[in-house]
């Protein structure tokens, strides 16, 4: 039995008290994402957005992806998907020029197409996919058992 989960967080949900030290991130974390899978996800998301006459998202391989990887690592350590600390990620992106921020997470999907299809079929995830965003960062990492965890951050500059 395979458990497939996805959770969506729309802009500015989950805002909690934030201190300055929580906003610092090692940009090298972005290198830890599975960029082959992330690129496939972005292509499928942009194809979906084009079908809705929405502008494509540009790939952010630095700041947003570092935060996405950090969150994906957190979910792997916790063995669950969540939007814990979304407010910190959103605030950090806003302090770097983002006007709005959204996030989709997932677990257990083996292909980009299965993940994106699940997001399209979920109203909350679909709302994020169709949001007024311009950029996207990725945290796509396999746990020790080879199961993927996903964080996709969306933002508008």
N, C-alpha and C. Protein backbone atom coordinates (compact mmCIF):
# COMPACT_ATOMS: atom_id res chain seq x y z
N UNK A 1 0.84 -1.17 0.00
CA UNK A 1 0.00 0.00 0.00
C UNK A 1 0.89 1.24 0.00
N UNK A 2 0.62 2.15 -0.91
CA UNK A 2 1.40 3.37 -1.01
C UNK A 2 0.54 4.52 -0.52
N UNK A 3 1.10 5.32 0.35
CA UNK A 3 0.42 6.48 0.87
C UNK A 3 0.90 7.70 0.10
N UNK A 4 -0.01 8.37 -0.56
CA UNK A 4 0.33 9.56 -1.32
C UNK A 4 -0.37 10.74 -0.69
N UNK A 5 0.41 11.74 -0.33
CA UNK A 5 -0.14 12.89 0.37
C UNK A 5 0.30 14.18 -0.29
N UNK A 6 -0.58 15.16 -0.25
CA UNK A 6 -0.24 16.50 -0.67
C UNK A 6 -0.95 17.48 0.25
N UNK A 7 -0.34 18.61 0.46
CA UNK A 7 -0.92 19.66 1.29
C UNK A 7 -0.58 20.98 0.63
N UNK A 8 -1.52 21.92 0.63
CA UNK A 8 -1.29 23.23 0.04
C UNK A 8 -1.39 24.31 1.08
N UNK A 9 -0.64 25.36 0.86
CA UNK A 9 -0.69 26.52 1.73
C UNK A 9 -0.73 27.75 0.84
N UNK A 10 -1.79 28.53 0.96
CA UNK A 10 -1.89 29.71 0.12
C UNK A 10 -1.15 30.87 0.77
N UNK A 11 -1.07 31.94 0.05
CA UNK A 11 -0.25 33.05 0.48
C UNK A 11 -0.56 33.50 1.90
N UNK A 12 0.52 33.69 2.61
CA UNK A 12 0.49 34.30 3.93
C UNK A 12 -0.28 33.54 5.00
N UNK A 13 -0.65 32.26 4.73
CA UNK A 13 -1.21 31.44 5.80
C UNK A 13 -0.07 31.02 6.71
N UNK A 14 -0.39 30.72 7.94
CA UNK A 14 0.59 30.14 8.84
C UNK A 14 1.65 31.13 9.29
N UNK A 15 1.31 32.42 9.33
CA UNK A 15 2.28 33.40 9.77
C UNK A 15 2.40 33.31 11.29
N UNK A 16 3.62 33.09 11.73
CA UNK A 16 3.88 33.01 13.15
C UNK A 16 4.91 34.06 13.53
N UNK A 17 5.21 34.14 14.80
CA UNK A 17 6.21 35.10 15.25
C UNK A 17 7.56 34.73 14.66
N UNK A 18 8.22 35.72 14.11
CA UNK A 18 9.45 35.48 13.36
C UNK A 18 10.56 36.35 13.95
N UNK A 19 11.70 35.74 14.20
CA UNK A 19 12.84 36.57 14.58
C UNK A 19 13.86 36.54 13.45
N UNK A 20 14.72 37.53 13.45
CA UNK A 20 15.68 37.76 12.36
C UNK A 20 16.54 36.53 12.06
N UNK A 21 16.94 35.79 13.08
CA UNK A 21 17.84 34.65 12.85
C UNK A 21 17.16 33.55 12.04
N UNK A 22 15.83 33.47 12.07
CA UNK A 22 15.12 32.46 11.31
C UNK A 22 15.12 32.74 9.81
N UNK A 23 15.48 33.96 9.42
CA UNK A 23 15.40 34.35 8.01
C UNK A 23 16.70 34.10 7.25
N UNK A 24 17.74 33.64 7.93
CA UNK A 24 19.01 33.37 7.26
C UNK A 24 19.01 31.95 6.73
N UNK A 25 19.56 31.79 5.52
CA UNK A 25 19.56 30.47 4.88
C UNK A 25 20.87 30.30 4.10
N UNK A 26 21.37 29.08 4.07
CA UNK A 26 22.55 28.74 3.28
C UNK A 26 22.08 28.48 1.85
N UNK A 27 22.47 29.33 0.93
CA UNK A 27 22.03 29.19 -0.46
C UNK A 27 22.51 27.90 -1.10
N UNK A 28 23.57 27.29 -0.57
CA UNK A 28 24.05 26.02 -1.10
C UNK A 28 23.06 24.89 -0.92
N UNK A 29 22.09 25.05 -0.01
CA UNK A 29 21.06 24.03 0.17
C UNK A 29 20.32 23.75 -1.13
N UNK A 30 20.18 24.77 -1.98
CA UNK A 30 19.44 24.61 -3.24
C UNK A 30 20.06 23.51 -4.10
N UNK A 31 21.35 23.27 -3.94
CA UNK A 31 22.03 22.24 -4.73
C UNK A 31 21.59 20.83 -4.35
N UNK A 32 20.93 20.68 -3.22
CA UNK A 32 20.55 19.35 -2.74
C UNK A 32 19.23 18.85 -3.32
N UNK A 33 18.54 19.70 -4.06
CA UNK A 33 17.29 19.25 -4.67
C UNK A 33 17.60 18.34 -5.87
N UNK A 34 16.66 17.48 -6.18
CA UNK A 34 16.76 16.63 -7.38
C UNK A 34 16.29 17.51 -8.55
N UNK A 35 17.24 18.16 -9.22
CA UNK A 35 16.87 19.14 -10.24
C UNK A 35 16.26 18.50 -11.48
N UNK A 36 16.57 17.25 -11.76
CA UNK A 36 15.91 16.59 -12.89
C UNK A 36 14.41 16.49 -12.62
N UNK A 37 14.04 16.01 -11.43
CA UNK A 37 12.63 15.91 -11.07
C UNK A 37 12.00 17.30 -10.95
N UNK A 38 12.71 18.25 -10.35
CA UNK A 38 12.19 19.60 -10.20
C UNK A 38 11.91 20.24 -11.56
N UNK A 39 12.82 20.05 -12.50
CA UNK A 39 12.61 20.61 -13.84
C UNK A 39 11.38 19.99 -14.52
N UNK A 40 11.17 18.70 -14.30
CA UNK A 40 9.97 18.05 -14.86
C UNK A 40 8.71 18.61 -14.21
N UNK A 41 8.74 18.83 -12.91
CA UNK A 41 7.59 19.41 -12.21
C UNK A 41 7.30 20.80 -12.77
N UNK A 42 8.35 21.62 -12.89
CA UNK A 42 8.16 22.97 -13.41
C UNK A 42 7.60 22.95 -14.82
N UNK A 43 8.09 22.07 -15.67
CA UNK A 43 7.57 21.98 -17.03
C UNK A 43 6.08 21.64 -17.02
N UNK A 44 5.70 20.66 -16.19
CA UNK A 44 4.29 20.25 -16.13
C UNK A 44 3.41 21.35 -15.52
N UNK A 45 3.92 22.01 -14.49
CA UNK A 45 3.17 23.12 -13.89
C UNK A 45 2.99 24.23 -14.92
N UNK A 46 4.05 24.55 -15.66
CA UNK A 46 3.94 25.61 -16.66
C UNK A 46 3.04 25.22 -17.82
N UNK A 47 3.03 23.94 -18.20
CA UNK A 47 2.07 23.49 -19.22
C UNK A 47 0.64 23.66 -18.72
N UNK A 48 0.42 23.30 -17.46
CA UNK A 48 -0.92 23.47 -16.88
C UNK A 48 -1.29 24.96 -16.85
N UNK A 49 -0.35 25.80 -16.39
CA UNK A 49 -0.63 27.24 -16.33
C UNK A 49 -0.93 27.79 -17.73
N UNK A 50 -0.21 27.33 -18.75
CA UNK A 50 -0.46 27.78 -20.12
C UNK A 50 -1.86 27.39 -20.57
N UNK A 51 -2.33 26.21 -20.14
CA UNK A 51 -3.68 25.78 -20.51
C UNK A 51 -4.75 26.67 -19.89
N UNK A 52 -4.38 27.40 -18.86
CA UNK A 52 -5.29 28.34 -18.19
C UNK A 52 -4.97 29.78 -18.57
N UNK A 53 -4.10 29.94 -19.59
CA UNK A 53 -3.67 31.25 -20.09
C UNK A 53 -2.98 32.08 -19.00
N UNK A 54 -2.20 31.38 -18.17
CA UNK A 54 -1.41 32.03 -17.13
C UNK A 54 0.05 32.05 -17.56
N UNK A 55 0.78 33.05 -17.11
CA UNK A 55 2.20 33.18 -17.44
C UNK A 55 3.00 32.04 -16.81
N UNK A 56 4.06 31.62 -17.47
CA UNK A 56 4.90 30.56 -16.90
C UNK A 56 5.68 31.08 -15.69
N UNK A 57 6.07 30.16 -14.83
CA UNK A 57 6.89 30.48 -13.67
C UNK A 57 8.36 30.36 -14.05
N UNK A 58 9.17 31.27 -13.57
CA UNK A 58 10.61 31.19 -13.74
C UNK A 58 11.18 30.38 -12.58
N UNK A 59 12.21 29.62 -12.86
CA UNK A 59 12.83 28.78 -11.83
C UNK A 59 13.80 29.61 -10.99
N UNK A 60 13.62 29.54 -9.68
CA UNK A 60 14.53 30.17 -8.72
C UNK A 60 15.40 29.05 -8.15
N UNK A 61 16.66 28.98 -8.58
CA UNK A 61 17.56 27.92 -8.12
C UNK A 61 18.41 28.35 -6.94
N UNK A 62 18.07 29.48 -6.34
CA UNK A 62 18.87 29.94 -5.21
C UNK A 62 18.00 30.10 -3.97
N UNK A 63 17.55 31.30 -3.72
CA UNK A 63 16.92 31.64 -2.44
C UNK A 63 15.67 30.80 -2.14
N UNK A 64 14.69 30.82 -3.05
CA UNK A 64 13.46 30.07 -2.79
C UNK A 64 13.74 28.57 -2.72
N UNK A 65 14.64 28.09 -3.55
CA UNK A 65 14.95 26.66 -3.53
C UNK A 65 15.70 26.29 -2.26
N UNK A 66 16.56 27.16 -1.75
CA UNK A 66 17.24 26.87 -0.49
C UNK A 66 16.21 26.72 0.63
N UNK A 67 15.23 27.61 0.67
CA UNK A 67 14.17 27.49 1.68
C UNK A 67 13.31 26.25 1.46
N UNK A 68 13.05 25.92 0.21
CA UNK A 68 12.26 24.72 -0.09
C UNK A 68 13.01 23.46 0.32
N UNK A 69 14.30 23.40 0.05
CA UNK A 69 15.11 22.24 0.47
C UNK A 69 15.14 22.15 1.98
N UNK A 70 15.33 23.27 2.65
CA UNK A 70 15.37 23.28 4.11
C UNK A 70 14.07 22.70 4.68
N UNK A 71 12.94 23.10 4.10
CA UNK A 71 11.65 22.58 4.58
C UNK A 71 11.48 21.10 4.25
N UNK A 72 11.92 20.70 3.07
CA UNK A 72 11.82 19.29 2.69
C UNK A 72 12.65 18.43 3.64
N UNK A 73 13.84 18.89 3.97
CA UNK A 73 14.67 18.16 4.93
C UNK A 73 13.97 18.06 6.29
N UNK A 74 13.33 19.14 6.69
CA UNK A 74 12.56 19.15 7.94
C UNK A 74 11.46 18.09 7.90
N UNK A 75 10.73 18.03 6.79
CA UNK A 75 9.64 17.05 6.68
C UNK A 75 10.20 15.62 6.71
N UNK A 76 11.32 15.39 6.06
CA UNK A 76 11.93 14.06 6.07
C UNK A 76 12.31 13.68 7.50
N UNK A 77 12.92 14.61 8.23
CA UNK A 77 13.30 14.33 9.62
C UNK A 77 12.08 14.04 10.48
N UNK A 78 10.97 14.73 10.22
CA UNK A 78 9.74 14.55 10.99
C UNK A 78 8.92 13.36 10.50
N UNK A 79 9.26 12.82 9.34
CA UNK A 79 8.51 11.72 8.70
C UNK A 79 7.05 12.08 8.46
N UNK A 80 6.81 13.33 8.07
CA UNK A 80 5.46 13.79 7.75
C UNK A 80 5.54 15.06 6.92
N UNK A 81 4.51 15.28 6.13
CA UNK A 81 4.47 16.52 5.37
C UNK A 81 3.72 17.57 6.17
N UNK A 82 4.10 18.81 5.96
CA UNK A 82 3.49 19.90 6.73
C UNK A 82 3.83 21.23 6.08
N UNK A 83 3.20 22.26 6.62
CA UNK A 83 3.54 23.64 6.28
C UNK A 83 4.12 24.33 7.50
N UNK A 84 4.65 23.56 8.44
CA UNK A 84 5.26 24.15 9.62
C UNK A 84 6.24 25.23 9.20
N UNK A 85 6.21 26.34 9.90
CA UNK A 85 7.13 27.47 9.68
C UNK A 85 6.99 28.11 8.30
N UNK A 86 5.84 27.94 7.65
CA UNK A 86 5.62 28.60 6.36
C UNK A 86 5.79 30.11 6.49
N UNK A 87 5.36 30.68 7.59
CA UNK A 87 5.49 32.12 7.79
C UNK A 87 6.92 32.61 7.69
N UNK A 88 7.86 31.80 8.16
CA UNK A 88 9.28 32.17 8.07
C UNK A 88 9.71 32.19 6.61
N UNK A 89 9.34 31.16 5.87
CA UNK A 89 9.71 31.12 4.45
C UNK A 89 9.07 32.29 3.69
N UNK A 90 7.80 32.54 3.96
CA UNK A 90 7.10 33.63 3.28
C UNK A 90 7.73 34.98 3.62
N UNK A 91 8.04 35.20 4.89
CA UNK A 91 8.65 36.46 5.30
C UNK A 91 10.02 36.65 4.66
N UNK A 92 10.82 35.59 4.63
CA UNK A 92 12.14 35.68 4.02
C UNK A 92 12.03 36.04 2.54
N UNK A 93 11.09 35.42 1.84
CA UNK A 93 10.91 35.75 0.42
C UNK A 93 10.39 37.18 0.25
N UNK A 94 9.49 37.61 1.13
CA UNK A 94 8.99 38.99 1.05
C UNK A 94 10.12 39.99 1.28
N UNK A 95 11.02 39.68 2.22
CA UNK A 95 12.14 40.58 2.48
C UNK A 95 13.13 40.61 1.32
N UNK A 96 12.99 39.68 0.38
CA UNK A 96 13.82 39.66 -0.82
C UNK A 96 13.01 40.02 -2.06
N UNK A 97 11.93 40.75 -1.88
CA UNK A 97 11.20 41.31 -3.01
C UNK A 97 9.91 40.63 -3.41
N UNK A 98 9.54 39.53 -2.75
CA UNK A 98 8.28 38.85 -3.12
C UNK A 98 7.10 39.66 -2.61
N UNK A 99 6.06 39.74 -3.42
CA UNK A 99 4.83 40.42 -3.03
C UNK A 99 3.82 39.46 -2.41
N UNK A 100 3.84 38.22 -2.86
CA UNK A 100 2.98 37.19 -2.27
C UNK A 100 3.69 35.85 -2.43
N UNK A 101 3.32 34.91 -1.55
CA UNK A 101 4.01 33.62 -1.50
C UNK A 101 2.98 32.51 -1.30
N UNK A 102 3.17 31.39 -1.95
CA UNK A 102 2.36 30.19 -1.77
C UNK A 102 3.25 28.97 -1.73
N UNK A 103 2.68 27.85 -1.31
CA UNK A 103 3.48 26.64 -1.16
C UNK A 103 2.61 25.41 -1.36
N UNK A 104 3.14 24.44 -2.08
CA UNK A 104 2.55 23.09 -2.17
C UNK A 104 3.60 22.11 -1.68
N UNK A 105 3.17 21.11 -0.93
CA UNK A 105 4.06 20.04 -0.51
C UNK A 105 3.43 18.71 -0.86
N UNK A 106 4.26 17.68 -0.92
CA UNK A 106 3.76 16.35 -1.23
C UNK A 106 4.73 15.29 -0.77
N UNK A 107 4.25 14.05 -0.80
CA UNK A 107 5.07 12.92 -0.36
C UNK A 107 4.61 11.66 -1.08
N UNK A 108 5.58 10.83 -1.45
CA UNK A 108 5.27 9.49 -1.91
C UNK A 108 5.03 9.33 -3.39
N UNK A 109 5.02 10.39 -4.14
CA UNK A 109 4.82 10.27 -5.59
C UNK A 109 6.15 9.91 -6.24
N UNK A 110 6.11 9.01 -7.22
CA UNK A 110 7.33 8.55 -7.86
C UNK A 110 7.68 9.32 -9.12
N UNK A 111 6.70 10.04 -9.68
CA UNK A 111 6.96 10.79 -10.90
C UNK A 111 6.41 12.20 -10.77
N UNK A 112 7.00 13.10 -11.54
CA UNK A 112 6.53 14.48 -11.56
C UNK A 112 5.08 14.54 -12.04
N UNK A 113 4.75 13.73 -13.03
CA UNK A 113 3.38 13.78 -13.57
C UNK A 113 2.35 13.32 -12.54
N UNK A 114 2.67 12.30 -11.74
CA UNK A 114 1.73 11.87 -10.70
C UNK A 114 1.54 12.97 -9.65
N UNK A 115 2.63 13.62 -9.26
CA UNK A 115 2.54 14.70 -8.27
C UNK A 115 1.71 15.86 -8.81
N UNK A 116 2.04 16.34 -9.99
CA UNK A 116 1.35 17.51 -10.54
C UNK A 116 -0.12 17.18 -10.80
N UNK A 117 -0.40 15.96 -11.25
CA UNK A 117 -1.80 15.55 -11.46
C UNK A 117 -2.57 15.58 -10.14
N UNK A 118 -1.95 15.11 -9.07
CA UNK A 118 -2.60 15.15 -7.75
C UNK A 118 -2.86 16.59 -7.33
N UNK A 119 -1.90 17.49 -7.55
CA UNK A 119 -2.10 18.89 -7.21
C UNK A 119 -3.22 19.50 -8.05
N UNK A 120 -3.28 19.18 -9.32
CA UNK A 120 -4.34 19.72 -10.18
C UNK A 120 -5.71 19.23 -9.72
N UNK A 121 -5.79 18.00 -9.24
CA UNK A 121 -7.06 17.42 -8.81
C UNK A 121 -7.49 17.84 -7.40
N UNK A 122 -6.66 18.60 -6.71
CA UNK A 122 -6.97 19.09 -5.37
C UNK A 122 -7.27 20.58 -5.44
N UNK A 123 -8.46 21.02 -5.05
CA UNK A 123 -8.80 22.44 -5.17
C UNK A 123 -7.80 23.38 -4.50
N UNK A 124 -7.33 23.06 -3.31
CA UNK A 124 -6.39 23.94 -2.61
C UNK A 124 -5.06 24.02 -3.36
N UNK A 125 -4.57 22.89 -3.85
CA UNK A 125 -3.30 22.89 -4.59
C UNK A 125 -3.46 23.59 -5.93
N UNK A 126 -4.58 23.33 -6.57
CA UNK A 126 -4.85 23.94 -7.87
C UNK A 126 -4.87 25.46 -7.73
N UNK A 127 -5.46 25.96 -6.64
CA UNK A 127 -5.48 27.41 -6.40
C UNK A 127 -4.07 27.99 -6.35
N UNK A 128 -3.15 27.26 -5.72
CA UNK A 128 -1.77 27.72 -5.66
C UNK A 128 -1.14 27.65 -7.05
N UNK A 129 -1.36 26.54 -7.77
CA UNK A 129 -0.81 26.41 -9.12
C UNK A 129 -1.28 27.53 -10.04
N UNK A 130 -2.52 27.97 -9.84
CA UNK A 130 -3.11 29.00 -10.69
C UNK A 130 -2.91 30.40 -10.12
N UNK A 131 -2.16 30.53 -9.04
CA UNK A 131 -1.97 31.81 -8.38
C UNK A 131 -1.19 32.81 -9.23
N UNK A 132 -1.28 34.06 -8.82
CA UNK A 132 -0.61 35.15 -9.51
C UNK A 132 0.86 35.19 -9.07
N UNK A 133 1.62 34.21 -9.54
CA UNK A 133 3.02 34.07 -9.17
C UNK A 133 3.90 34.17 -10.41
N UNK A 134 5.16 34.52 -10.20
CA UNK A 134 6.11 34.67 -11.30
C UNK A 134 7.30 33.71 -11.20
N UNK A 135 7.58 33.21 -10.00
CA UNK A 135 8.77 32.41 -9.75
C UNK A 135 8.44 31.20 -8.88
N UNK A 136 9.33 30.21 -8.93
CA UNK A 136 9.13 29.01 -8.12
C UNK A 136 10.48 28.41 -7.72
N UNK A 137 10.53 27.95 -6.47
CA UNK A 137 11.70 27.25 -5.96
C UNK A 137 11.31 25.84 -5.54
N UNK A 138 12.29 24.94 -5.51
CA UNK A 138 11.99 23.52 -5.29
C UNK A 138 12.87 22.88 -4.24
N UNK A 139 12.25 22.04 -3.43
CA UNK A 139 12.94 21.12 -2.55
C UNK A 139 12.42 19.73 -2.86
N UNK A 140 13.13 18.98 -3.67
CA UNK A 140 12.72 17.64 -4.09
C UNK A 140 13.82 16.68 -3.64
N UNK A 141 13.52 15.88 -2.63
CA UNK A 141 14.54 15.03 -2.02
C UNK A 141 13.93 13.68 -1.67
N UNK A 142 14.73 12.63 -1.86
CA UNK A 142 14.31 11.29 -1.43
C UNK A 142 14.81 11.02 -0.02
N UNK A 143 13.96 10.35 0.78
CA UNK A 143 14.39 9.93 2.11
C UNK A 143 15.24 8.67 1.99
N UNK A 144 15.66 8.11 3.12
CA UNK A 144 16.53 6.93 3.11
C UNK A 144 15.87 5.71 2.50
N UNK A 145 14.55 5.68 2.44
CA UNK A 145 13.82 4.57 1.83
C UNK A 145 13.54 4.81 0.35
N UNK A 146 14.03 5.93 -0.19
CA UNK A 146 13.85 6.22 -1.60
C UNK A 146 12.53 6.88 -1.96
N UNK A 147 11.76 7.32 -0.95
CA UNK A 147 10.48 8.00 -1.20
C UNK A 147 10.71 9.51 -1.28
N UNK A 148 10.09 10.10 -2.28
CA UNK A 148 10.24 11.54 -2.49
C UNK A 148 9.38 12.35 -1.54
N UNK A 149 9.96 13.45 -1.07
CA UNK A 149 9.25 14.54 -0.39
C UNK A 149 9.42 15.76 -1.26
N UNK A 150 8.37 16.58 -1.35
CA UNK A 150 8.37 17.73 -2.25
C UNK A 150 7.94 19.00 -1.52
N UNK A 151 8.64 20.08 -1.77
CA UNK A 151 8.19 21.42 -1.40
C UNK A 151 8.37 22.27 -2.65
N UNK A 152 7.29 22.93 -3.08
CA UNK A 152 7.39 23.89 -4.16
C UNK A 152 6.90 25.22 -3.62
N UNK A 153 7.79 26.20 -3.60
CA UNK A 153 7.44 27.56 -3.20
C UNK A 153 7.13 28.38 -4.44
N UNK A 154 6.10 29.18 -4.35
CA UNK A 154 5.66 30.06 -5.43
C UNK A 154 5.72 31.48 -4.90
N UNK A 155 6.18 32.42 -5.73
CA UNK A 155 6.12 33.82 -5.30
C UNK A 155 6.01 34.74 -6.51
N UNK A 156 5.52 35.94 -6.22
CA UNK A 156 5.40 36.99 -7.25
C UNK A 156 6.35 38.10 -6.88
N UNK A 157 7.14 38.51 -7.85
CA UNK A 157 8.07 39.66 -7.64
C UNK A 157 7.38 40.92 -8.07
